[in-house]
Amino acid sequence: MAKKKNIVPINSMRDLVDLVNHNSQVLDRRTKKLVKSARNVKILCFIAVGYAIYTAIECRKQEEQLYQLSIKVKKLEHNEGE
């Protein structure tokens, strides 16, 4: 078939049908590529959101551990002062 931006001579209905079929196939291939890349972006977004949730949970765990340790240090300092 014709390259991009070239005028294709149409001499018969068969030529027209072939051109329309070709353009449909090209459009279908491009659409499939877009769908595949969109699917990959969705998967990447889900992974990123999942990782963000995981890191937030780990951060809260570490904050809780830090708080518990600070309480223990204060108790030890208080006991040493007596």
N, C-alpha and C. Protein backbone atom coordinates (compact mmCIF):
# COMPACT_ATOMS: atom_id res chain seq x y z
N MET A 1 0.83 -1.19 0.00
CA MET A 1 0.00 0.00 0.00
C MET A 1 0.87 1.25 0.00
N ALA A 2 0.26 2.38 0.08
CA ALA A 2 0.95 3.66 -0.05
C ALA A 2 1.61 4.06 1.26
N LYS A 3 2.65 4.87 1.15
CA LYS A 3 3.31 5.40 2.32
C LYS A 3 2.49 6.55 2.88
N LYS A 4 2.90 7.06 4.01
CA LYS A 4 2.18 8.16 4.64
C LYS A 4 2.19 9.40 3.75
N LYS A 5 1.10 10.11 3.73
CA LYS A 5 0.92 11.39 3.05
C LYS A 5 1.07 11.29 1.54
N ASN A 6 1.03 10.12 0.97
CA ASN A 6 1.04 9.99 -0.48
C ASN A 6 -0.39 9.78 -0.97
N ILE A 7 -0.67 10.33 -2.11
CA ILE A 7 -1.98 10.15 -2.71
C ILE A 7 -2.00 8.81 -3.43
N VAL A 8 -2.97 8.02 -3.11
CA VAL A 8 -3.09 6.68 -3.70
C VAL A 8 -4.15 6.74 -4.79
N PRO A 9 -3.76 6.38 -5.99
CA PRO A 9 -4.76 6.38 -7.07
C PRO A 9 -5.75 5.23 -6.88
N ILE A 10 -7.02 5.55 -7.01
CA ILE A 10 -8.06 4.53 -6.86
C ILE A 10 -8.74 4.39 -8.22
N ASN A 11 -8.50 3.23 -8.82
CA ASN A 11 -9.04 2.99 -10.15
C ASN A 11 -10.30 2.14 -10.13
N SER A 12 -10.49 1.44 -9.05
CA SER A 12 -11.66 0.56 -8.98
C SER A 12 -12.15 0.47 -7.54
N MET A 13 -13.27 -0.15 -7.38
CA MET A 13 -13.81 -0.39 -6.03
C MET A 13 -12.88 -1.32 -5.26
N ARG A 14 -12.25 -2.23 -5.94
CA ARG A 14 -11.32 -3.16 -5.29
C ARG A 14 -10.16 -2.39 -4.67
N ASP A 15 -9.63 -1.40 -5.38
CA ASP A 15 -8.56 -0.57 -4.83
C ASP A 15 -9.03 0.18 -3.58
N LEU A 16 -10.23 0.68 -3.64
CA LEU A 16 -10.78 1.40 -2.50
C LEU A 16 -10.95 0.48 -1.29
N VAL A 17 -11.48 -0.71 -1.54
CA VAL A 17 -11.67 -1.69 -0.46
C VAL A 17 -10.32 -2.09 0.13
N ASP A 18 -9.33 -2.32 -0.72
CA ASP A 18 -7.99 -2.68 -0.22
C ASP A 18 -7.39 -1.56 0.62
N LEU A 19 -7.57 -0.33 0.17
CA LEU A 19 -7.04 0.80 0.92
C LEU A 19 -7.72 0.95 2.28
N VAL A 20 -9.02 0.81 2.30
CA VAL A 20 -9.77 0.90 3.55
C VAL A 20 -9.37 -0.24 4.49
N ASN A 21 -9.21 -1.44 3.96
CA ASN A 21 -8.78 -2.58 4.78
C ASN A 21 -7.39 -2.35 5.36
N HIS A 22 -6.50 -1.84 4.53
CA HIS A 22 -5.14 -1.57 5.00
C HIS A 22 -5.16 -0.53 6.12
N ASN A 23 -5.89 0.55 5.90
CA ASN A 23 -5.96 1.59 6.92
C ASN A 23 -6.60 1.08 8.21
N SER A 24 -7.57 0.21 8.09
CA SER A 24 -8.19 -0.40 9.28
C SER A 24 -7.20 -1.26 10.03
N GLN A 25 -6.40 -2.02 9.30
CA GLN A 25 -5.40 -2.88 9.95
C GLN A 25 -4.34 -2.05 10.66
N VAL A 26 -3.89 -0.97 10.00
CA VAL A 26 -2.90 -0.09 10.63
C VAL A 26 -3.48 0.53 11.89
N LEU A 27 -4.70 1.00 11.82
CA LEU A 27 -5.35 1.59 12.98
C LEU A 27 -5.52 0.56 14.09
N ASP A 28 -5.87 -0.65 13.72
CA ASP A 28 -6.03 -1.72 14.70
C ASP A 28 -4.71 -2.03 15.40
N ARG A 29 -3.61 -2.10 14.64
CA ARG A 29 -2.30 -2.36 15.24
C ARG A 29 -1.91 -1.24 16.21
N ARG A 30 -2.12 -0.01 15.78
CA ARG A 30 -1.78 1.13 16.66
C ARG A 30 -2.64 1.13 17.91
N THR A 31 -3.90 0.81 17.76
CA THR A 31 -4.80 0.77 18.92
C THR A 31 -4.37 -0.32 19.90
N LYS A 32 -3.99 -1.47 19.37
CA LYS A 32 -3.53 -2.56 20.25
C LYS A 32 -2.28 -2.16 21.00
N LYS A 33 -1.37 -1.46 20.34
CA LYS A 33 -0.16 -1.00 21.02
C LYS A 33 -0.51 -0.01 22.13
N LEU A 34 -1.45 0.90 21.85
CA LEU A 34 -1.87 1.86 22.87
C LEU A 34 -2.53 1.17 24.06
N VAL A 35 -3.36 0.17 23.77
CA VAL A 35 -4.03 -0.57 24.84
C VAL A 35 -3.00 -1.29 25.69
N LYS A 36 -2.01 -1.90 25.03
CA LYS A 36 -0.98 -2.63 25.77
C LYS A 36 -0.18 -1.67 26.64
N SER A 37 0.19 -0.52 26.11
CA SER A 37 0.96 0.44 26.91
C SER A 37 0.10 1.01 28.03
N ALA A 38 -1.19 1.22 27.78
CA ALA A 38 -2.08 1.71 28.84
C ALA A 38 -2.20 0.67 29.95
N ARG A 39 -2.26 -0.60 29.57
CA ARG A 39 -2.34 -1.68 30.56
C ARG A 39 -1.06 -1.70 31.39
N ASN A 40 0.08 -1.52 30.73
CA ASN A 40 1.35 -1.50 31.46
C ASN A 40 1.42 -0.31 32.41
N VAL A 41 0.88 0.83 32.00
CA VAL A 41 0.86 2.00 32.87
C VAL A 41 -0.04 1.75 34.07
N LYS A 42 -1.18 1.10 33.86
CA LYS A 42 -2.07 0.77 34.98
C LYS A 42 -1.36 -0.13 35.98
N ILE A 43 -0.69 -1.15 35.48
CA ILE A 43 0.04 -2.07 36.36
C ILE A 43 1.11 -1.33 37.14
N LEU A 44 1.84 -0.45 36.45
CA LEU A 44 2.87 0.33 37.12
C LEU A 44 2.27 1.23 38.19
N CYS A 45 1.11 1.82 37.91
CA CYS A 45 0.45 2.67 38.91
C CYS A 45 0.01 1.87 40.13
N PHE A 46 -0.55 0.68 39.89
CA PHE A 46 -0.95 -0.16 41.02
C PHE A 46 0.25 -0.55 41.87
N ILE A 47 1.35 -0.87 41.22
CA ILE A 47 2.56 -1.23 41.97
C ILE A 47 3.06 -0.03 42.77
N ALA A 48 3.04 1.16 42.15
CA ALA A 48 3.51 2.36 42.85
C ALA A 48 2.62 2.68 44.06
N VAL A 49 1.32 2.56 43.89
CA VAL A 49 0.40 2.82 45.00
C VAL A 49 0.61 1.79 46.11
N GLY A 50 0.76 0.53 45.71
CA GLY A 50 1.01 -0.52 46.70
C GLY A 50 2.30 -0.28 47.47
N TYR A 51 3.33 0.13 46.77
CA TYR A 51 4.60 0.41 47.43
C TYR A 51 4.48 1.61 48.35
N ALA A 52 3.74 2.63 47.94
CA ALA A 52 3.54 3.80 48.79
C ALA A 52 2.81 3.42 50.08
N ILE A 53 1.81 2.57 49.97
CA ILE A 53 1.08 2.10 51.15
C ILE A 53 2.01 1.29 52.05
N TYR A 54 2.79 0.41 51.45
CA TYR A 54 3.73 -0.41 52.22
C TYR A 54 4.74 0.46 52.96
N THR A 55 5.31 1.46 52.29
CA THR A 55 6.29 2.32 52.96
C THR A 55 5.64 3.15 54.06
N ALA A 56 4.38 3.57 53.87
CA ALA A 56 3.69 4.32 54.92
C ALA A 56 3.49 3.44 56.15
N ILE A 57 3.13 2.19 55.94
CA ILE A 57 2.94 1.26 57.06
C ILE A 57 4.26 1.03 57.78
N GLU A 58 5.34 0.83 57.02
CA GLU A 58 6.65 0.61 57.64
C GLU A 58 7.11 1.85 58.40
N CYS A 59 6.83 3.02 57.85
CA CYS A 59 7.19 4.27 58.52
C CYS A 59 6.46 4.39 59.86
N ARG A 60 5.19 4.05 59.87
CA ARG A 60 4.42 4.12 61.14
C ARG A 60 4.95 3.11 62.14
N LYS A 61 5.33 1.92 61.68
CA LYS A 61 5.91 0.93 62.58
C LYS A 61 7.19 1.46 63.20
N GLN A 62 8.03 2.09 62.37
CA GLN A 62 9.29 2.63 62.88
C GLN A 62 9.04 3.79 63.85
N GLU A 63 8.05 4.61 63.55
CA GLU A 63 7.71 5.71 64.47
C GLU A 63 7.25 5.16 65.81
N GLU A 64 6.44 4.10 65.76
CA GLU A 64 5.97 3.48 67.01
C GLU A 64 7.14 2.89 67.80
N GLN A 65 8.06 2.23 67.11
CA GLN A 65 9.23 1.69 67.78
C GLN A 65 10.08 2.81 68.39
N LEU A 66 10.24 3.90 67.65
CA LEU A 66 11.01 5.03 68.16
C LEU A 66 10.34 5.62 69.40
N TYR A 67 9.03 5.71 69.38
CA TYR A 67 8.29 6.23 70.53
C TYR A 67 8.48 5.31 71.75
N GLN A 68 8.36 4.00 71.53
CA GLN A 68 8.54 3.05 72.63
C GLN A 68 9.96 3.13 73.20
N LEU A 69 10.94 3.27 72.32
CA LEU A 69 12.32 3.39 72.79
C LEU A 69 12.55 4.68 73.56
N SER A 70 11.93 5.76 73.11
CA SER A 70 12.09 7.03 73.84
C SER A 70 11.48 6.94 75.22
N ILE A 71 10.35 6.23 75.35
CA ILE A 71 9.74 6.03 76.67
C ILE A 71 10.68 5.22 77.57
N LYS A 72 11.27 4.17 77.01
CA LYS A 72 12.21 3.35 77.79
C LYS A 72 13.41 4.16 78.25
N VAL A 73 13.94 5.01 77.36
CA VAL A 73 15.09 5.84 77.71
C VAL A 73 14.71 6.81 78.82
N LYS A 74 13.54 7.42 78.74
CA LYS A 74 13.10 8.35 79.79
C LYS A 74 12.95 7.63 81.12
N LYS A 75 12.42 6.39 81.09
CA LYS A 75 12.27 5.63 82.33
C LYS A 75 13.64 5.30 82.93
N LEU A 76 14.58 4.89 82.04
CA LEU A 76 15.92 4.58 82.55
C LEU A 76 16.60 5.82 83.12
N GLU A 77 16.45 6.95 82.45
CA GLU A 77 17.03 8.20 82.98
C GLU A 77 16.39 8.58 84.31
N HIS A 78 15.09 8.36 84.39
CA HIS A 78 14.40 8.70 85.64
C HIS A 78 14.86 7.78 86.77
N ASN A 79 15.03 6.47 86.48
CA ASN A 79 15.48 5.51 87.49
C ASN A 79 16.90 5.79 87.91
N GLU A 80 17.76 6.22 87.02
CA GLU A 80 19.14 6.53 87.37
C GLU A 80 19.22 7.78 88.23
N GLY A 81 18.29 8.68 88.05
CA GLY A 81 18.27 9.92 88.81
C GLY A 81 17.88 9.72 90.25
N GLU A 82 17.19 8.65 90.57
CA GLU A 82 16.72 8.42 91.95
C GLU A 82 17.76 7.87 92.85
